[in-house]
Amino acid sequence: MPADQDKIATLRQAAAAKREAATARAETGIRKLTKTGQPVTFRGVAAASGVSVDFLYRHPELRARIERLRGRQPAPAGRAPASEPGNPGSRCAGTLATPLPATDPAARRPRRRHVKDASSTM
């Protein structure tokens, strides 16, 4: 049995080393994105560092750091934030809230559902 325990210990050490290497790559990816001014997102960090998005979400320290950095990024130059009236992105909510005009009178009528009366089936 000692040989089995040695194998288990070796596997645990290898898993820990792999996890630490992935964490270091993620940290490097975050630094690279912030240094170059690119948006810090989970997908961006995953692509820059060669780790999975799932890995980033499962590690609370990395997740908190990415969420913090993602929240304080400036808007891209030349574009207004989506909440400003002059921004085309802000028209989306107004467009979705506006009802579509119905040109066909049949389209305006509510549809009737054909439901059998329970008393007529007895």
PDB file of N, CA and C in Angstrom:
ATOM      1  N   MET A   1       0.789  -1.204   0.000  1.00  0.00           N
ATOM      2  CA  MET A   1       0.000   0.000   0.000  1.00  0.00           C
ATOM      3  C   MET A   1       0.842   1.286   0.000  1.00  0.00           C
ATOM      4  N   PRO A   2       2.051   1.277   0.556  1.00  0.00           N
ATOM      5  CA  PRO A   2       2.842   2.507   0.541  1.00  0.00           C
ATOM      6  C   PRO A   2       3.097   3.012  -0.881  1.00  0.00           C
ATOM      7  N   ALA A   3       3.211   2.097  -1.834  1.00  0.00           N
ATOM      8  CA  ALA A   3       3.446   2.510  -3.222  1.00  0.00           C
ATOM      9  C   ALA A   3       2.226   3.275  -3.740  1.00  0.00           C
ATOM     10  N   ASP A   4       1.025   2.825  -3.353  1.00  0.00           N
ATOM     11  CA  ASP A   4      -0.194   3.523  -3.758  1.00  0.00           C
ATOM     12  C   ASP A   4      -0.247   4.917  -3.144  1.00  0.00           C
ATOM     13  N   GLN A   5       0.159   5.022  -1.887  1.00  0.00           N
ATOM     14  CA  GLN A   5       0.185   6.328  -1.228  1.00  0.00           C
ATOM     15  C   GLN A   5       1.170   7.270  -1.900  1.00  0.00           C
ATOM     16  N   ASP A   6       2.302   6.711  -2.347  1.00  0.00           N
ATOM     17  CA  ASP A   6       3.295   7.525  -3.050  1.00  0.00           C
ATOM     18  C   ASP A   6       2.735   8.021  -4.373  1.00  0.00           C
ATOM     19  N   LYS A   7       2.009   7.152  -5.066  1.00  0.00           N
ATOM     20  CA  LYS A   7       1.400   7.552  -6.339  1.00  0.00           C
ATOM     21  C   LYS A   7       0.365   8.654  -6.126  1.00  0.00           C
ATOM     22  N   ILE A   8      -0.426   8.511  -5.087  1.00  0.00           N
ATOM     23  CA  ILE A   8      -1.458   9.513  -4.777  1.00  0.00           C
ATOM     24  C   ILE A   8      -0.801  10.848  -4.439  1.00  0.00           C
ATOM     25  N   ALA A   9       0.249  10.813  -3.643  1.00  0.00           N
ATOM     26  CA  ALA A   9       0.952  12.042  -3.279  1.00  0.00           C
ATOM     27  C   ALA A   9       1.572  12.700  -4.513  1.00  0.00           C
ATOM     28  N   THR A  10       2.128  11.895  -5.389  1.00  0.00           N
ATOM     29  CA  THR A  10       2.727  12.422  -6.619  1.00  0.00           C
ATOM     30  C   THR A  10       1.667  13.061  -7.504  1.00  0.00           C
ATOM     31  N   LEU A  11       0.512  12.412  -7.634  1.00  0.00           N
ATOM     32  CA  LEU A  11      -0.580  12.968  -8.436  1.00  0.00           C
ATOM     33  C   LEU A  11      -1.096  14.280  -7.844  1.00  0.00           C
ATOM     34  N   ARG A  12      -1.194  14.336  -6.519  1.00  0.00           N
ATOM     35  CA  ARG A  12      -1.634  15.575  -5.868  1.00  0.00           C
ATOM     36  C   ARG A  12      -0.647  16.706  -6.104  1.00  0.00           C
ATOM     37  N   GLN A  13       0.638  16.392  -6.020  1.00  0.00           N
ATOM     38  CA  GLN A  13       1.662  17.405  -6.269  1.00  0.00           C
ATOM     39  C   GLN A  13       1.599  17.889  -7.713  1.00  0.00           C
ATOM     40  N   ALA A  14       1.395  16.977  -8.640  1.00  0.00           N
ATOM     41  CA  ALA A  14       1.319  17.350 -10.056  1.00  0.00           C
ATOM     42  C   ALA A  14       0.090  18.226 -10.308  1.00  0.00           C
ATOM     43  N   ALA A  15      -1.035  17.887  -9.689  1.00  0.00           N
ATOM     44  CA  ALA A  15      -2.250  18.685  -9.854  1.00  0.00           C
ATOM     45  C   ALA A  15      -2.062  20.081  -9.277  1.00  0.00           C
ATOM     46  N   ALA A  16      -1.421  20.167  -8.125  1.00  0.00           N
ATOM     47  CA  ALA A  16      -1.169  21.470  -7.503  1.00  0.00           C
ATOM     48  C   ALA A  16      -0.235  22.306  -8.374  1.00  0.00           C
ATOM     49  N   ALA A  17       0.788  21.689  -8.932  1.00  0.00           N
ATOM     50  CA  ALA A  17       1.722  22.410  -9.797  1.00  0.00           C
ATOM     51  C   ALA A  17       1.014  22.899 -11.064  1.00  0.00           C
ATOM     52  N   LYS A  18       0.139  22.070 -11.595  1.00  0.00           N
ATOM     53  CA  LYS A  18      -0.611  22.452 -12.795  1.00  0.00           C
ATOM     54  C   LYS A  18      -1.542  23.632 -12.492  1.00  0.00           C
ATOM     55  N   ARG A  19      -2.189  23.575 -11.344  1.00  0.00           N
ATOM     56  CA  ARG A  19      -3.095  24.657 -10.925  1.00  0.00           C
ATOM     57  C   ARG A  19      -2.328  25.962 -10.712  1.00  0.00           C
ATOM     58  N   GLU A  20      -1.177  25.881 -10.066  1.00  0.00           N
ATOM     59  CA  GLU A  20      -0.356  27.069  -9.837  1.00  0.00           C
ATOM     60  C   GLU A  20       0.152  27.658 -11.151  1.00  0.00           C
ATOM     61  N   ALA A  21       0.527  26.810 -12.096  1.00  0.00           N
ATOM     62  CA  ALA A  21       1.004  27.294 -13.394  1.00  0.00           C
ATOM     63  C   ALA A  21      -0.125  27.997 -14.146  1.00  0.00           C
ATOM     64  N   ALA A  22      -1.324  27.437 -14.086  1.00  0.00           N
ATOM     65  CA  ALA A  22      -2.468  28.058 -14.757  1.00  0.00           C
ATOM     66  C   ALA A  22      -2.814  29.394 -14.105  1.00  0.00           C
ATOM     67  N   THR A  23      -2.732  29.462 -12.782  1.00  0.00           N
ATOM     68  CA  THR A  23      -2.993  30.711 -12.077  1.00  0.00           C
ATOM     69  C   THR A  23      -1.962  31.769 -12.462  1.00  0.00           C
ATOM     70  N   ALA A  24      -0.710  31.381 -12.561  1.00  0.00           N
ATOM     71  CA  ALA A  24       0.345  32.318 -12.967  1.00  0.00           C
ATOM     72  C   ALA A  24       0.116  32.812 -14.393  1.00  0.00           C
ATOM     73  N   ARG A  25      -0.308  31.903 -15.289  1.00  0.00           N
ATOM     74  CA  ARG A  25      -0.600  32.317 -16.674  1.00  0.00           C
ATOM     75  C   ARG A  25      -1.769  33.290 -16.705  1.00  0.00           C
ATOM     76  N   ALA A  26      -2.788  33.041 -15.879  1.00  0.00           N
ATOM     77  CA  ALA A  26      -3.942  33.944 -15.830  1.00  0.00           C
ATOM     78  C   ALA A  26      -3.522  35.320 -15.327  1.00  0.00           C
ATOM     79  N   GLU A  27      -2.689  35.358 -14.296  1.00  0.00           N
ATOM     80  CA  GLU A  27      -2.186  36.636 -13.776  1.00  0.00           C
ATOM     81  C   GLU A  27      -1.404  37.385 -14.857  1.00  0.00           C
ATOM     82  N   THR A  28      -0.584  36.661 -15.599  1.00  0.00           N
ATOM     83  CA  THR A  28       0.181  37.264 -16.684  1.00  0.00           C
ATOM     84  C   THR A  28      -0.758  37.802 -17.762  1.00  0.00           C
ATOM     85  N   GLY A  29      -1.804  37.051 -18.076  1.00  0.00           N
ATOM     86  CA  GLY A  29      -2.778  37.503 -19.071  1.00  0.00           C
ATOM     87  C   GLY A  29      -3.495  38.767 -18.634  1.00  0.00           C
ATOM     88  N   ILE A  30      -3.856  38.842 -17.360  1.00  0.00           N
ATOM     89  CA  ILE A  30      -4.521  40.047 -16.833  1.00  0.00           C
ATOM     90  C   ILE A  30      -3.586  41.246 -16.946  1.00  0.00           C
ATOM     91  N   ARG A  31      -2.324  41.066 -16.544  1.00  0.00           N
ATOM     92  CA  ARG A  31      -1.355  42.165 -16.640  1.00  0.00           C
ATOM     93  C   ARG A  31      -1.151  42.610 -18.085  1.00  0.00           C
ATOM     94  N   LYS A  32      -1.104  41.645 -18.992  1.00  0.00           N
ATOM     95  CA  LYS A  32      -0.911  41.957 -20.409  1.00  0.00           C
ATOM     96  C   LYS A  32      -2.084  42.795 -20.937  1.00  0.00           C
ATOM     97  N   LEU A  33      -3.304  42.405 -20.602  1.00  0.00           N
ATOM     98  CA  LEU A  33      -4.471  43.141 -21.079  1.00  0.00           C
ATOM     99  C   LEU A  33      -4.516  44.556 -20.495  1.00  0.00           C
ATOM    100  N   THR A  34      -4.219  44.686 -19.212  1.00  0.00           N
ATOM    101  CA  THR A  34      -4.269  46.016 -18.596  1.00  0.00           C
ATOM    102  C   THR A  34      -3.142  46.908 -19.126  1.00  0.00           C
ATOM    103  N   LYS A  35      -1.990  46.323 -19.357  1.00  0.00           N
ATOM    104  CA  LYS A  35      -0.849  47.103 -19.842  1.00  0.00           C
ATOM    105  C   LYS A  35      -1.092  47.613 -21.257  1.00  0.00           C
ATOM    106  N   THR A  36      -1.746  46.816 -22.093  1.00  0.00           N
ATOM    107  CA  THR A  36      -1.992  47.212 -23.481  1.00  0.00           C
ATOM    108  C   THR A  36      -3.297  47.984 -23.643  1.00  0.00           C
ATOM    109  N   GLY A  37      -4.057  48.136 -22.559  1.00  0.00           N
ATOM    110  CA  GLY A  37      -5.301  48.892 -22.623  1.00  0.00           C
ATOM    111  C   GLY A  37      -6.466  48.132 -23.224  1.00  0.00           C
ATOM    112  N   GLN A  38      -6.336  46.836 -23.359  1.00  0.00           N
ATOM    113  CA  GLN A  38      -7.419  46.015 -23.900  1.00  0.00           C
ATOM    114  C   GLN A  38      -8.440  45.731 -22.800  1.00  0.00           C
ATOM    115  N   PRO A  39      -9.690  45.472 -23.171  1.00  0.00           N
ATOM    116  CA  PRO A  39     -10.708  45.187 -22.153  1.00  0.00           C
ATOM    117  C   PRO A  39     -10.371  43.919 -21.368  1.00  0.00           C
ATOM    118  N   VAL A  40     -10.556  43.985 -20.073  1.00  0.00           N
ATOM    119  CA  VAL A  40     -10.322  42.825 -19.216  1.00  0.00           C
ATOM    120  C   VAL A  40     -11.666  42.132 -19.025  1.00  0.00           C
ATOM    121  N   THR A  41     -11.834  41.030 -19.733  1.00  0.00           N
ATOM    122  CA  THR A  41     -13.038  40.217 -19.626  1.00  0.00           C
ATOM    123  C   THR A  41     -12.610  38.781 -19.370  1.00  0.00           C
ATOM    124  N   PHE A  42     -13.565  37.963 -18.963  1.00  0.00           N
ATOM    125  CA  PHE A  42     -13.222  36.564 -18.710  1.00  0.00           C
ATOM    126  C   PHE A  42     -12.731  35.891 -19.992  1.00  0.00           C
ATOM    127  N   ARG A  43     -13.404  36.127 -21.088  1.00  0.00           N
ATOM    128  CA  ARG A  43     -12.991  35.523 -22.359  1.00  0.00           C
ATOM    129  C   ARG A  43     -11.640  36.073 -22.817  1.00  0.00           C
ATOM    130  N   GLY A  44     -11.431  37.359 -22.630  1.00  0.00           N
ATOM    131  CA  GLY A  44     -10.166  37.969 -23.028  1.00  0.00           C
ATOM    132  C   GLY A  44      -8.996  37.430 -22.231  1.00  0.00           C
ATOM    133  N   VAL A  45      -9.184  37.306 -20.921  1.00  0.00           N
ATOM    134  CA  VAL A  45      -8.119  36.767 -20.066  1.00  0.00           C
ATOM    135  C   VAL A  45      -7.856  35.310 -20.410  1.00  0.00           C
ATOM    136  N   ALA A  46      -8.924  34.553 -20.642  1.00  0.00           N
ATOM    137  CA  ALA A  46      -8.758  33.137 -20.990  1.00  0.00           C
ATOM    138  C   ALA A  46      -7.964  32.993 -22.285  1.00  0.00           C
ATOM    139  N   ALA A  47      -8.294  33.811 -23.277  1.00  0.00           N
ATOM    140  CA  ALA A  47      -7.585  33.739 -24.559  1.00  0.00           C
ATOM    141  C   ALA A  47      -6.132  34.190 -24.421  1.00  0.00           C
ATOM    142  N   ALA A  48      -5.888  35.225 -23.642  1.00  0.00           N
ATOM    143  CA  ALA A  48      -4.535  35.761 -23.487  1.00  0.00           C
ATOM    144  C   ALA A  48      -3.644  34.855 -22.659  1.00  0.00           C
ATOM    145  N   SER A  49      -4.250  34.039 -21.800  1.00  0.00           N
ATOM    146  CA  SER A  49      -3.434  33.250 -20.880  1.00  0.00           C
ATOM    147  C   SER A  49      -3.455  31.747 -21.132  1.00  0.00           C
ATOM    148  N   GLY A  50      -4.321  31.300 -22.020  1.00  0.00           N
ATOM    149  CA  GLY A  50      -4.358  29.869 -22.313  1.00  0.00           C
ATOM    150  C   GLY A  50      -5.025  29.039 -21.232  1.00  0.00           C
ATOM    151  N   VAL A  51      -5.944  29.642 -20.491  1.00  0.00           N
ATOM    152  CA  VAL A  51      -6.722  28.889 -19.506  1.00  0.00           C
ATOM    153  C   VAL A  51      -8.187  28.951 -19.923  1.00  0.00           C
ATOM    154  N   SER A  52      -9.016  28.137 -19.303  1.00  0.00           N
ATOM    155  CA  SER A  52     -10.427  28.139 -19.651  1.00  0.00           C
ATOM    156  C   SER A  52     -11.175  29.221 -18.877  1.00  0.00           C
ATOM    157  N   VAL A  53     -12.286  29.640 -19.433  1.00  0.00           N
ATOM    158  CA  VAL A  53     -13.140  30.599 -18.746  1.00  0.00           C
ATOM    159  C   VAL A  53     -13.643  29.968 -17.443  1.00  0.00           C
ATOM    160  N   ASP A  54     -13.953  28.686 -17.490  1.00  0.00           N
ATOM    161  CA  ASP A  54     -14.415  27.974 -16.300  1.00  0.00           C
ATOM    162  C   ASP A  54     -13.365  28.038 -15.185  1.00  0.00           C
ATOM    163  N   PHE A  55     -12.101  27.891 -15.536  1.00  0.00           N
ATOM    164  CA  PHE A  55     -11.022  27.982 -14.548  1.00  0.00           C
ATOM    165  C   PHE A  55     -11.044  29.342 -13.854  1.00  0.00           C
ATOM    166  N   LEU A  56     -11.229  30.395 -14.632  1.00  0.00           N
ATOM    167  CA  LEU A  56     -11.242  31.746 -14.068  1.00  0.00           C
ATOM    168  C   LEU A  56     -12.424  31.941 -13.127  1.00  0.00           C
ATOM    169  N   TYR A  57     -13.589  31.429 -13.514  1.00  0.00           N
ATOM    170  CA  TYR A  57     -14.775  31.564 -12.665  1.00  0.00           C
ATOM    171  C   TYR A  57     -14.659  30.735 -11.381  1.00  0.00           C
ATOM    172  N   ARG A  58     -13.958  29.607 -11.445  1.00  0.00           N
ATOM    173  CA  ARG A  58     -13.846  28.735 -10.267  1.00  0.00           C
ATOM    174  C   ARG A  58     -12.801  29.195  -9.254  1.00  0.00           C
ATOM    175  N   HIS A  59     -11.991  30.183  -9.596  1.00  0.00           N
ATOM    176  CA  HIS A  59     -10.976  30.676  -8.667  1.00  0.00           C
ATOM    177  C   HIS A  59     -11.375  32.056  -8.166  1.00  0.00           C
ATOM    178  N   PRO A  60     -11.840  32.135  -6.924  1.00  0.00           N
ATOM    179  CA  PRO A  60     -12.410  33.376  -6.390  1.00  0.00           C
ATOM    180  C   PRO A  60     -11.492  34.593  -6.499  1.00  0.00           C
ATOM    181  N   GLU A  61     -10.194  34.408  -6.301  1.00  0.00           N
ATOM    182  CA  GLU A  61      -9.284  35.554  -6.365  1.00  0.00           C
ATOM    183  C   GLU A  61      -9.208  36.106  -7.785  1.00  0.00           C
ATOM    184  N   LEU A  62      -9.060  35.207  -8.753  1.00  0.00           N
ATOM    185  CA  LEU A  62      -8.982  35.642 -10.148  1.00  0.00           C
ATOM    186  C   LEU A  62     -10.309  36.252 -10.593  1.00  0.00           C
ATOM    187  N   ARG A  63     -11.389  35.601 -10.196  1.00  0.00           N
ATOM    188  CA  ARG A  63     -12.719  36.083 -10.577  1.00  0.00           C
ATOM    189  C   ARG A  63     -12.962  37.496 -10.041  1.00  0.00           C
ATOM    190  N   ALA A  64     -12.649  37.711  -8.772  1.00  0.00           N
ATOM    191  CA  ALA A  64     -12.857  39.027  -8.165  1.00  0.00           C
ATOM    192  C   ALA A  64     -11.993  40.084  -8.842  1.00  0.00           C
ATOM    193  N   ARG A  65     -10.775  39.724  -9.165  1.00  0.00           N
ATOM    194  CA  ARG A  65      -9.872  40.686  -9.811  1.00  0.00           C
ATOM    195  C   ARG A  65     -10.369  41.061 -11.205  1.00  0.00           C
ATOM    196  N   ILE A  66     -10.806  40.072 -11.979  1.00  0.00           N
ATOM    197  CA  ILE A  66     -11.314  40.349 -13.324  1.00  0.00           C
ATOM    198  C   ILE A  66     -12.575  41.187 -13.247  1.00  0.00           C
ATOM    199  N   GLU A  67     -13.475  40.856 -12.331  1.00  0.00           N
ATOM    200  CA  GLU A  67     -14.715  41.630 -12.193  1.00  0.00           C
ATOM    201  C   GLU A  67     -14.423  43.072 -11.787  1.00  0.00           C
ATOM    202  N   ARG A  68     -13.451  43.248 -10.911  1.00  0.00           N
ATOM    203  CA  ARG A  68     -13.081  44.600 -10.482  1.00  0.00           C
ATOM    204  C   ARG A  68     -12.482  45.396 -11.642  1.00  0.00           C
ATOM    205  N   LEU A  69     -11.574  44.774 -12.373  1.00  0.00           N
ATOM    206  CA  LEU A  69     -10.936  45.459 -13.504  1.00  0.00           C
ATOM    207  C   LEU A  69     -11.927  45.698 -14.638  1.00  0.00           C
ATOM    208  N   ARG A  70     -12.827  44.790 -14.833  1.00  0.00           N
ATOM    209  CA  ARG A  70     -13.828  44.942 -15.889  1.00  0.00           C
ATOM    210  C   ARG A  70     -14.752  46.108 -15.584  1.00  0.00           C
ATOM    211  N   GLY A  71     -15.060  46.326 -14.315  1.00  0.00           N
ATOM    212  CA  GLY A  71     -15.976  47.381 -13.920  1.00  0.00           C
ATOM    213  C   GLY A  71     -15.399  48.778 -14.007  1.00  0.00           C
ATOM    214  N   ARG A  72     -14.092  48.929 -14.012  1.00  0.00           N
ATOM    215  CA  ARG A  72     -13.521  50.284 -14.000  1.00  0.00           C
ATOM    216  C   ARG A  72     -12.842  50.666 -15.307  1.00  0.00           C
ATOM    217  N   GLN A  73     -13.137  49.960 -16.384  1.00  0.00           N
ATOM    218  CA  GLN A  73     -12.523  50.290 -17.660  1.00  0.00           C
ATOM    219  C   GLN A  73     -13.227  51.474 -18.299  1.00  0.00           C
ATOM    220  N   PRO A  74     -12.467  52.379 -18.886  1.00  0.00           N
ATOM    221  CA  PRO A  74     -13.081  53.529 -19.560  1.00  0.00           C
ATOM    222  C   PRO A  74     -13.774  53.099 -20.845  1.00  0.00           C
ATOM    223  N   ALA A  75     -14.744  53.909 -21.278  1.00  0.00           N
ATOM    224  CA  ALA A  75     -15.420  53.649 -22.546  1.00  0.00           C
ATOM    225  C   ALA A  75     -14.421  53.848 -23.672  1.00  0.00           C
ATOM    226  N   PRO A  76     -14.558  53.093 -24.760  1.00  0.00           N
ATOM    227  CA  PRO A  76     -13.636  53.268 -25.882  1.00  0.00           C
ATOM    228  C   PRO A  76     -13.680  54.701 -26.400  1.00  0.00           C
ATOM    229  N   ALA A  77     -12.550  55.190 -26.872  1.00  0.00           N
ATOM    230  CA  ALA A  77     -12.450  56.568 -27.356  1.00  0.00           C
ATOM    231  C   ALA A  77     -13.393  56.794 -28.527  1.00  0.00           C
ATOM    232  N   GLY A  78     -14.061  57.945 -28.512  1.00  0.00           N
ATOM    233  CA  GLY A  78     -14.950  58.294 -29.610  1.00  0.00           C
ATOM    234  C   GLY A  78     -16.339  57.722 -29.497  1.00  0.00           C
ATOM    235  N   ARG A  79     -16.623  57.012 -28.430  1.00  0.00           N
ATOM    236  CA  ARG A  79     -17.948  56.423 -28.257  1.00  0.00           C
ATOM    237  C   ARG A  79     -18.512  56.846 -26.917  1.00  0.00           C
ATOM    238  N   ALA A  80     -19.760  57.234 -26.924  1.00  0.00           N
ATOM    239  CA  ALA A  80     -20.435  57.616 -25.682  1.00  0.00           C
ATOM    240  C   ALA A  80     -20.926  56.352 -24.987  1.00  0.00           C
ATOM    241  N   PRO A  81     -21.013  56.373 -23.649  1.00  0.00           N
ATOM    242  CA  PRO A  81     -21.574  55.229 -22.954  1.00  0.00           C
ATOM    243  C   PRO A  81     -23.002  54.952 -23.413  1.00  0.00           C
ATOM    244  N   ALA A  82     -23.443  53.715 -23.289  1.00  0.00           N
ATOM    245  CA  ALA A  82     -24.753  53.303 -23.791  1.00  0.00           C
ATOM    246  C   ALA A  82     -25.893  54.057 -23.124  1.00  0.00           C
ATOM    247  N   SER A  83     -25.679  54.615 -21.939  1.00  0.00           N
ATOM    248  CA  SER A  83     -26.763  55.290 -21.231  1.00  0.00           C
ATOM    249  C   SER A  83     -26.999  56.709 -21.728  1.00  0.00           C
ATOM    250  N   GLU A  84     -26.110  57.237 -22.565  1.00  0.00           N
ATOM    251  CA  GLU A  84     -26.282  58.604 -23.051  1.00  0.00           C
ATOM    252  C   GLU A  84     -27.234  58.629 -24.233  1.00  0.00           C
ATOM    253  N   PRO A  85     -28.074  59.674 -24.323  1.00  0.00           N
ATOM    254  CA  PRO A  85     -29.090  59.737 -25.370  1.00  0.00           C
ATOM    255  C   PRO A  85     -28.538  59.739 -26.790  1.00  0.00           C
ATOM    256  N   GLY A  86     -27.360  60.272 -27.017  1.00  0.00           N
ATOM    257  CA  GLY A  86     -26.826  60.356 -28.368  1.00  0.00           C
ATOM    258  C   GLY A  86     -26.226  59.063 -28.880  1.00  0.00           C
ATOM    259  N   ASN A  87     -26.130  58.076 -28.066  1.00  0.00           N
ATOM    260  CA  ASN A  87     -25.497  56.832 -28.444  1.00  0.00           C
ATOM    261  C   ASN A  87     -26.508  55.907 -29.126  1.00  0.00           C
ATOM    262  N   PRO A  88     -26.165  55.357 -30.304  1.00  0.00           N
ATOM    263  CA  PRO A  88     -27.104  54.461 -30.978  1.00  0.00           C
ATOM    264  C   PRO A  88     -27.468  53.239 -30.142  1.00  0.00           C
ATOM    265  N   GLY A  89     -26.580  52.794 -29.261  1.00  0.00           N
ATOM    266  CA  GLY A  89     -26.883  51.625 -28.432  1.00  0.00           C
ATOM    267  C   GLY A  89     -28.019  51.889 -27.465  1.00  0.00           C
ATOM    268  N   SER A  90     -28.217  53.167 -27.073  1.00  0.00           N
ATOM    269  CA  SER A  90     -29.275  53.461 -26.115  1.00  0.00           C
ATOM    270  C   SER A  90     -30.654  53.461 -26.771  1.00  0.00           C
ATOM    271  N   ARG A  91     -30.704  53.509 -28.094  1.00  0.00           N
ATOM    272  CA  ARG A  91     -31.993  53.481 -28.786  1.00  0.00           C
ATOM    273  C   ARG A  91     -32.613  52.100 -28.761  1.00  0.00           C
ATOM    274  N   CYS A  92     -31.827  51.113 -28.481  1.00  0.00           N
ATOM    275  CA  CYS A  92     -32.306  49.735 -28.512  1.00  0.00           C
ATOM    276  C   CYS A  92     -33.473  49.531 -27.562  1.00  0.00           C
ATOM    277  N   ALA A  93     -33.356  50.018 -26.337  1.00  0.00           N
ATOM    278  CA  ALA A  93     -34.435  49.836 -25.362  1.00  0.00           C
ATOM    279  C   ALA A  93     -35.699  50.536 -25.820  1.00  0.00           C
ATOM    280  N   GLY A  94     -35.575  51.732 -26.374  1.00  0.00           N
ATOM    281  CA  GLY A  94     -36.749  52.448 -26.863  1.00  0.00           C
ATOM    282  C   GLY A  94     -37.374  51.745 -28.054  1.00  0.00           C
ATOM    283  N   THR A  95     -36.544  51.181 -28.901  1.00  0.00           N
ATOM    284  CA  THR A  95     -37.045  50.470 -30.064  1.00  0.00           C
ATOM    285  C   THR A  95     -37.800  49.222 -29.645  1.00  0.00           C
ATOM    286  N   LEU A  96     -37.279  48.524 -28.678  1.00  0.00           N
ATOM    287  CA  LEU A  96     -37.932  47.299 -28.234  1.00  0.00           C
ATOM    288  C   LEU A  96     -39.239  47.586 -27.505  1.00  0.00           C
ATOM    289  N   ALA A  97     -39.341  48.744 -26.875  1.00  0.00           N
ATOM    290  CA  ALA A  97     -40.543  49.089 -26.131  1.00  0.00           C
ATOM    291  C   ALA A  97     -41.644  49.637 -27.036  1.00  0.00           C
ATOM    292  N   THR A  98     -41.293  50.046 -28.256  1.00  0.00           N
ATOM    293  CA  THR A  98     -42.270  50.600 -29.188  1.00  0.00           C
ATOM    294  C   THR A  98     -43.006  49.456 -29.872  1.00  0.00           C
ATOM    295  N   PRO A  99     -44.353  49.458 -29.842  1.00  0.00           N
ATOM    296  CA  PRO A  99     -45.077  48.370 -30.509  1.00  0.00           C
ATOM    297  C   PRO A  99     -44.950  48.486 -32.023  1.00  0.00           C
ATOM    298  N   LEU A 100     -44.925  47.356 -32.668  1.00  0.00           N
ATOM    299  CA  LEU A 100     -44.846  47.337 -34.114  1.00  0.00           C
ATOM    300  C   LEU A 100     -46.220  47.642 -34.700  1.00  0.00           C
ATOM    301  N   PRO A 101     -46.274  48.459 -35.736  1.00  0.00           N
ATOM    302  CA  PRO A 101     -47.572  48.744 -36.347  1.00  0.00           C
ATOM    303  C   PRO A 101     -48.076  47.531 -37.116  1.00  0.00           C
ATOM    304  N   ALA A 102     -49.349  47.241 -36.962  1.00  0.00           N
ATOM    305  CA  ALA A 102     -49.953  46.123 -37.679  1.00  0.00           C
ATOM    306  C   ALA A 102     -50.679  46.678 -38.894  1.00  0.00           C
ATOM    307  N   THR A 103     -50.266  46.257 -40.063  1.00  0.00           N
ATOM    308  CA  THR A 103     -50.901  46.755 -41.276  1.00  0.00           C
ATOM    309  C   THR A 103     -52.084  45.903 -41.676  1.00  0.00           C
ATOM    310  N   ASP A 104     -52.108  44.672 -41.257  1.00  0.00           N
ATOM    311  CA  ASP A 104     -53.207  43.772 -41.585  1.00  0.00           C
ATOM    312  C   ASP A 104     -54.211  43.787 -40.443  1.00  0.00           C
ATOM    313  N   PRO A 105     -55.497  44.125 -40.695  1.00  0.00           N
ATOM    314  CA  PRO A 105     -56.489  44.145 -39.613  1.00  0.00           C
ATOM    315  C   PRO A 105     -56.603  42.805 -38.905  1.00  0.00           C
ATOM    316  N   ALA A 106     -56.382  41.709 -39.608  1.00  0.00           N
ATOM    317  CA  ALA A 106     -56.475  40.388 -38.977  1.00  0.00           C
ATOM    318  C   ALA A 106     -55.371  40.207 -37.940  1.00  0.00           C
ATOM    319  N   ALA A 107     -54.260  40.886 -38.143  1.00  0.00           N
ATOM    320  CA  ALA A 107     -53.151  40.760 -37.200  1.00  0.00           C
ATOM    321  C   ALA A 107     -53.457  41.476 -35.893  1.00  0.00           C
ATOM    322  N   ARG A 108     -54.375  42.423 -35.918  1.00  0.00           N
ATOM    323  CA  ARG A 108     -54.709  43.181 -34.712  1.00  0.00           C
ATOM    324  C   ARG A 108     -55.685  42.437 -33.813  1.00  0.00           C
ATOM    325  N   ARG A 109     -56.456  41.541 -34.392  1.00  0.00           N
ATOM    326  CA  ARG A 109     -57.447  40.808 -33.597  1.00  0.00           C
ATOM    327  C   ARG A 109     -56.755  39.752 -32.748  1.00  0.00           C
ATOM    328  N   PRO A 110     -57.220  39.605 -31.517  1.00  0.00           N
ATOM    329  CA  PRO A 110     -56.626  38.541 -30.693  1.00  0.00           C
ATOM    330  C   PRO A 110     -56.987  37.172 -31.256  1.00  0.00           C
ATOM    331  N   ARG A 111     -56.085  36.273 -31.119  1.00  0.00           N
ATOM    332  CA  ARG A 111     -56.323  34.918 -31.609  1.00  0.00           C
ATOM    333  C   ARG A 111     -57.191  34.160 -30.615  1.00  0.00           C
ATOM    334  N   ARG A 112     -58.062  33.370 -31.155  1.00  0.00           N
ATOM    335  CA  ARG A 112     -58.925  32.545 -30.306  1.00  0.00           C
ATOM    336  C   ARG A 112     -58.326  31.156 -30.218  1.00  0.00           C
ATOM    337  N   ARG A 113     -58.356  30.674 -29.048  1.00  0.00           N
ATOM    338  CA  ARG A 113     -57.852  29.309 -28.849  1.00  0.00           C
ATOM    339  C   ARG A 113     -59.053  28.373 -28.872  1.00  0.00           C
ATOM    340  N   HIS A 114     -58.851  27.253 -29.489  1.00  0.00           N
ATOM    341  CA  HIS A 114     -59.920  26.248 -29.575  1.00  0.00           C
ATOM    342  C   HIS A 114     -59.741  25.289 -28.398  1.00  0.00           C
ATOM    343  N   VAL A 115     -60.526  25.555 -27.374  1.00  0.00           N
ATOM    344  CA  VAL A 115     -60.458  24.740 -26.172  1.00  0.00           C
ATOM    345  C   VAL A 115     -61.791  24.029 -26.043  1.00  0.00           C
ATOM    346  N   LYS A 116     -61.708  22.739 -25.867  1.00  0.00           N
ATOM    347  CA  LYS A 116     -62.925  21.968 -25.691  1.00  0.00           C
ATOM    348  C   LYS A 116     -63.510  22.238 -24.323  1.00  0.00           C
ATOM    349  N   ASP A 117     -64.778  22.396 -24.300  1.00  0.00           N
ATOM    350  CA  ASP A 117     -65.481  22.585 -23.032  1.00  0.00           C
ATOM    351  C   ASP A 117     -65.529  21.245 -22.309  1.00  0.00           C
ATOM    352  N   ALA A 118     -65.143  21.222 -21.068  1.00  0.00           N
ATOM    353  CA  ALA A 118     -65.097  19.997 -20.298  1.00  0.00           C
ATOM    354  C   ALA A 118     -66.473  19.368 -20.161  1.00  0.00           C
ATOM    355  N   SER A 119     -67.540  20.187 -20.105  1.00  0.00           N
ATOM    356  CA  SER A 119     -68.888  19.621 -19.924  1.00  0.00           C
ATOM    357  C   SER A 119     -69.402  18.979 -21.213  1.00  0.00           C
ATOM    358  N   SER A 120     -68.899  19.374 -22.371  1.00  0.00           N
ATOM    359  CA  SER A 120     -69.388  18.807 -23.618  1.00  0.00           C
ATOM    360  C   SER A 120     -68.778  17.453 -23.924  1.00  0.00           C
ATOM    361  N   THR A 121     -67.723  17.096 -23.225  1.00  0.00           N
ATOM    362  CA  THR A 121     -67.072  15.808 -23.474  1.00  0.00           C
ATOM    363  C   THR A 121     -67.662  14.700 -22.644  1.00  0.00           C
ATOM    364  N   MET A 122     -68.574  15.008 -21.730  1.00  0.00           N
ATOM    365  CA  MET A 122     -69.135  13.973 -20.860  1.00  0.00           C
ATOM    366  C   MET A 122     -70.357  13.400 -21.428  1.00  0.00           C
TER     367      MET A 122
END
